Amino acid sequence: MLSGTRNEIHNTKFSLIPLKTKDDFRTWEIVCFNCGQKDLNEFFQLDAYAHSKEFLAVTYYLQPIEATEENIFYPVALVSLLNDRVEITREERKKEQRILYYDLKRFVV
């Protein structure tokens, strides 16, 4: 279920909430968060805020709904969603359009 707050998702068990400010990324819970993989811990502690500031990624924390309802910050997972795209050349696009055209034509005739 979407919440009244933008980009937050809440259901009966968990809340998924974005980290927005530099202070959000510097809280004790985020700095001490340990997922068991050194590179990921380092990313969330050192790089995630810079990625957010540059609009490269948005980092969210997942926490039990009880913590959200009592306004307690208790992340059990962190996830960053990367903003990116796969670019194709004009020639590749034309080729794909021709293939799609001929495939559609076979079914329409």
C-alpha atoms as a PDB file:
ATOM      1  CA  MET A   1       0.000   0.000   0.000  1.00  0.00           C
ATOM      2  CA  LEU A   2       1.347   3.450  -0.911  1.00  0.00           C
ATOM      3  CA  SER A   3       1.610   5.875   1.938  1.00  0.00           C
ATOM      4  CA  GLY A   4       0.679   9.515   2.034  1.00  0.00           C
ATOM      5  CA  THR A   5       4.368  10.326   1.987  1.00  0.00           C
ATOM      6  CA  ARG A   6       5.948  10.285  -1.446  1.00  0.00           C
ATOM      7  CA  ASN A   7       8.022   7.230  -2.431  1.00  0.00           C
ATOM      8  CA  GLU A   8       7.223   5.255   0.721  1.00  0.00           C
ATOM      9  CA  ILE A   9       5.566   1.860   0.704  1.00  0.00           C
ATOM     10  CA  HIS A  10       3.914   0.317   3.768  1.00  0.00           C
ATOM     11  CA  ASN A  11       2.177  -3.008   4.194  1.00  0.00           C
ATOM     12  CA  THR A  12       1.068  -4.945   7.279  1.00  0.00           C
ATOM     13  CA  LYS A  13       4.612  -6.092   8.157  1.00  0.00           C
ATOM     14  CA  PHE A  14       7.201  -3.724   6.683  1.00  0.00           C
ATOM     15  CA  SER A  15       7.858  -0.189   5.507  1.00  0.00           C
ATOM     16  CA  LEU A  16      10.182   0.778   2.652  1.00  0.00           C
ATOM     17  CA  ILE A  17      11.313   4.369   3.130  1.00  0.00           C
ATOM     18  CA  PRO A  18      13.880   6.456   1.190  1.00  0.00           C
ATOM     19  CA  LEU A  19      16.913   8.006   2.822  1.00  0.00           C
ATOM     20  CA  LYS A  20      16.797  11.643   1.720  1.00  0.00           C
ATOM     21  CA  THR A  21      19.166  13.939   3.578  1.00  0.00           C
ATOM     22  CA  LYS A  22      22.827  13.731   4.478  1.00  0.00           C
ATOM     23  CA  ASP A  23      21.745  13.299   8.103  1.00  0.00           C
ATOM     24  CA  ASP A  24      19.665  10.247   7.111  1.00  0.00           C
ATOM     25  CA  PHE A  25      22.792   8.609   5.671  1.00  0.00           C
ATOM     26  CA  ARG A  26      24.888   9.501   8.725  1.00  0.00           C
ATOM     27  CA  THR A  27      22.656   8.003  11.415  1.00  0.00           C
ATOM     28  CA  TRP A  28      24.212   5.473  13.754  1.00  0.00           C
ATOM     29  CA  GLU A  29      21.975   2.706  12.386  1.00  0.00           C
ATOM     30  CA  ILE A  30      23.154   3.256   8.793  1.00  0.00           C
ATOM     31  CA  VAL A  31      26.822   3.750   9.670  1.00  0.00           C
ATOM     32  CA  CYS A  32      26.809   0.555  11.774  1.00  0.00           C
ATOM     33  CA  PHE A  33      24.618  -1.432   9.378  1.00  0.00           C
ATOM     34  CA  ASN A  34      26.344  -4.697   8.438  1.00  0.00           C
ATOM     35  CA  CYS A  35      24.989  -6.975   5.725  1.00  0.00           C
ATOM     36  CA  GLY A  36      27.987  -9.312   5.901  1.00  0.00           C
ATOM     37  CA  GLN A  37      29.605  -8.081   2.669  1.00  0.00           C
ATOM     38  CA  LYS A  38      32.385  -5.541   3.033  1.00  0.00           C
ATOM     39  CA  ASP A  39      31.839  -3.865  -0.388  1.00  0.00           C
ATOM     40  CA  LEU A  40      28.121  -3.339   0.199  1.00  0.00           C
ATOM     41  CA  ASN A  41      28.656  -2.036   3.719  1.00  0.00           C
ATOM     42  CA  GLU A  42      31.226   0.403   2.353  1.00  0.00           C
ATOM     43  CA  PHE A  43      28.875   1.500  -0.428  1.00  0.00           C
ATOM     44  CA  PHE A  44      26.025   2.279   1.978  1.00  0.00           C
ATOM     45  CA  GLN A  45      28.330   4.006   4.473  1.00  0.00           C
ATOM     46  CA  LEU A  46      30.454   6.026   2.025  1.00  0.00           C
ATOM     47  CA  ASP A  47      28.982   6.180  -1.484  1.00  0.00           C
ATOM     48  CA  ALA A  48      25.188   5.959  -1.283  1.00  0.00           C
ATOM     49  CA  TYR A  49      24.715   9.616  -0.294  1.00  0.00           C
ATOM     50  CA  ALA A  50      26.918  10.851  -3.155  1.00  0.00           C
ATOM     51  CA  HIS A  51      24.906   8.712  -5.594  1.00  0.00           C
ATOM     52  CA  SER A  52      21.683  10.157  -4.198  1.00  0.00           C
ATOM     53  CA  LYS A  53      22.985  13.723  -4.454  1.00  0.00           C
ATOM     54  CA  GLU A  54      23.951  13.175  -8.111  1.00  0.00           C
ATOM     55  CA  PHE A  55      20.554  11.523  -8.881  1.00  0.00           C
ATOM     56  CA  LEU A  56      22.284   8.246  -9.795  1.00  0.00           C
ATOM     57  CA  ALA A  57      20.447   6.116  -7.237  1.00  0.00           C
ATOM     58  CA  VAL A  58      17.876   6.264  -4.464  1.00  0.00           C
ATOM     59  CA  THR A  59      18.604   4.328  -1.285  1.00  0.00           C
ATOM     60  CA  TYR A  60      15.744   2.876   0.764  1.00  0.00           C
ATOM     61  CA  TYR A  61      15.636   1.187   4.144  1.00  0.00           C
ATOM     62  CA  LEU A  62      13.278  -1.609   5.075  1.00  0.00           C
ATOM     63  CA  GLN A  63      12.022  -1.795   8.625  1.00  0.00           C
ATOM     64  CA  PRO A  64       9.272  -3.549  10.589  1.00  0.00           C
ATOM     65  CA  ILE A  65       5.951  -1.689  10.564  1.00  0.00           C
ATOM     66  CA  GLU A  66       5.986  -1.523  14.387  1.00  0.00           C
ATOM     67  CA  ALA A  67       9.127   0.617  14.254  1.00  0.00           C
ATOM     68  CA  THR A  68       7.543   2.918  11.677  1.00  0.00           C
ATOM     69  CA  GLU A  69       4.353   3.335  13.705  1.00  0.00           C
ATOM     70  CA  GLU A  70       6.321   4.176  16.846  1.00  0.00           C
ATOM     71  CA  ASN A  71       8.650   6.496  14.899  1.00  0.00           C
ATOM     72  CA  ILE A  72      11.701   4.344  15.674  1.00  0.00           C
ATOM     73  CA  PHE A  73      14.478   4.059  13.116  1.00  0.00           C
ATOM     74  CA  TYR A  74      15.330   0.356  12.839  1.00  0.00           C
ATOM     75  CA  PRO A  75      16.526  -0.692   9.356  1.00  0.00           C
ATOM     76  CA  VAL A  76      16.716  -4.429   8.670  1.00  0.00           C
ATOM     77  CA  ALA A  77      17.758  -4.015   5.012  1.00  0.00           C
ATOM     78  CA  LEU A  78      19.106  -1.343   2.684  1.00  0.00           C
ATOM     79  CA  VAL A  79      18.621  -1.221  -1.079  1.00  0.00           C
ATOM     80  CA  SER A  80      19.723   1.287  -3.726  1.00  0.00           C
ATOM     81  CA  LEU A  81      17.820   1.587  -6.980  1.00  0.00           C
ATOM     82  CA  LEU A  82      20.072   2.775  -9.775  1.00  0.00           C
ATOM     83  CA  ASN A  83      18.874   5.197 -12.447  1.00  0.00           C
ATOM     84  CA  ASP A  84      20.409   4.099 -15.728  1.00  0.00           C
ATOM     85  CA  ARG A  85      19.583   3.094 -19.271  1.00  0.00           C
ATOM     86  CA  VAL A  86      20.801   0.845 -22.037  1.00  0.00           C
ATOM     87  CA  GLU A  87      21.506   2.817 -25.169  1.00  0.00           C
ATOM     88  CA  ILE A  88      21.142   1.317 -28.624  1.00  0.00           C
ATOM     89  CA  THR A  89      22.362   2.767 -31.907  1.00  0.00           C
ATOM     90  CA  ARG A  90      20.048   4.063 -34.618  1.00  0.00           C
ATOM     91  CA  GLU A  91      20.911   1.035 -36.766  1.00  0.00           C
ATOM     92  CA  GLU A  92      20.006  -1.383 -33.978  1.00  0.00           C
ATOM     93  CA  ARG A  93      16.713   0.420 -33.441  1.00  0.00           C
ATOM     94  CA  LYS A  94      15.838   0.257 -37.163  1.00  0.00           C
ATOM     95  CA  LYS A  95      16.689  -3.442 -37.249  1.00  0.00           C
ATOM     96  CA  GLU A  96      14.428  -4.137 -34.260  1.00  0.00           C
ATOM     97  CA  GLN A  97      11.616  -2.121 -35.827  1.00  0.00           C
ATOM     98  CA  ARG A  98      11.880  -4.104 -39.082  1.00  0.00           C
ATOM     99  CA  ILE A  99      11.803  -7.402 -37.190  1.00  0.00           C
ATOM    100  CA  LEU A 100       8.767  -6.252 -35.203  1.00  0.00           C
ATOM    101  CA  TYR A 101       7.045  -5.020 -38.367  1.00  0.00           C
ATOM    102  CA  TYR A 102       7.511  -8.339 -40.174  1.00  0.00           C
ATOM    103  CA  ASP A 103       6.460 -10.339 -37.125  1.00  0.00           C
ATOM    104  CA  LEU A 104       3.282  -8.284 -36.794  1.00  0.00           C
ATOM    105  CA  LYS A 105       2.590  -8.479 -40.509  1.00  0.00           C
ATOM    106  CA  ARG A 106       2.683 -12.291 -40.359  1.00  0.00           C
ATOM    107  CA  PHE A 107      -0.057 -12.319 -37.725  1.00  0.00           C
ATOM    108  CA  VAL A 108      -2.263  -9.674 -39.310  1.00  0.00           C
ATOM    109  CA  VAL A 109      -2.391 -11.177 -42.797  1.00  0.00           C
END
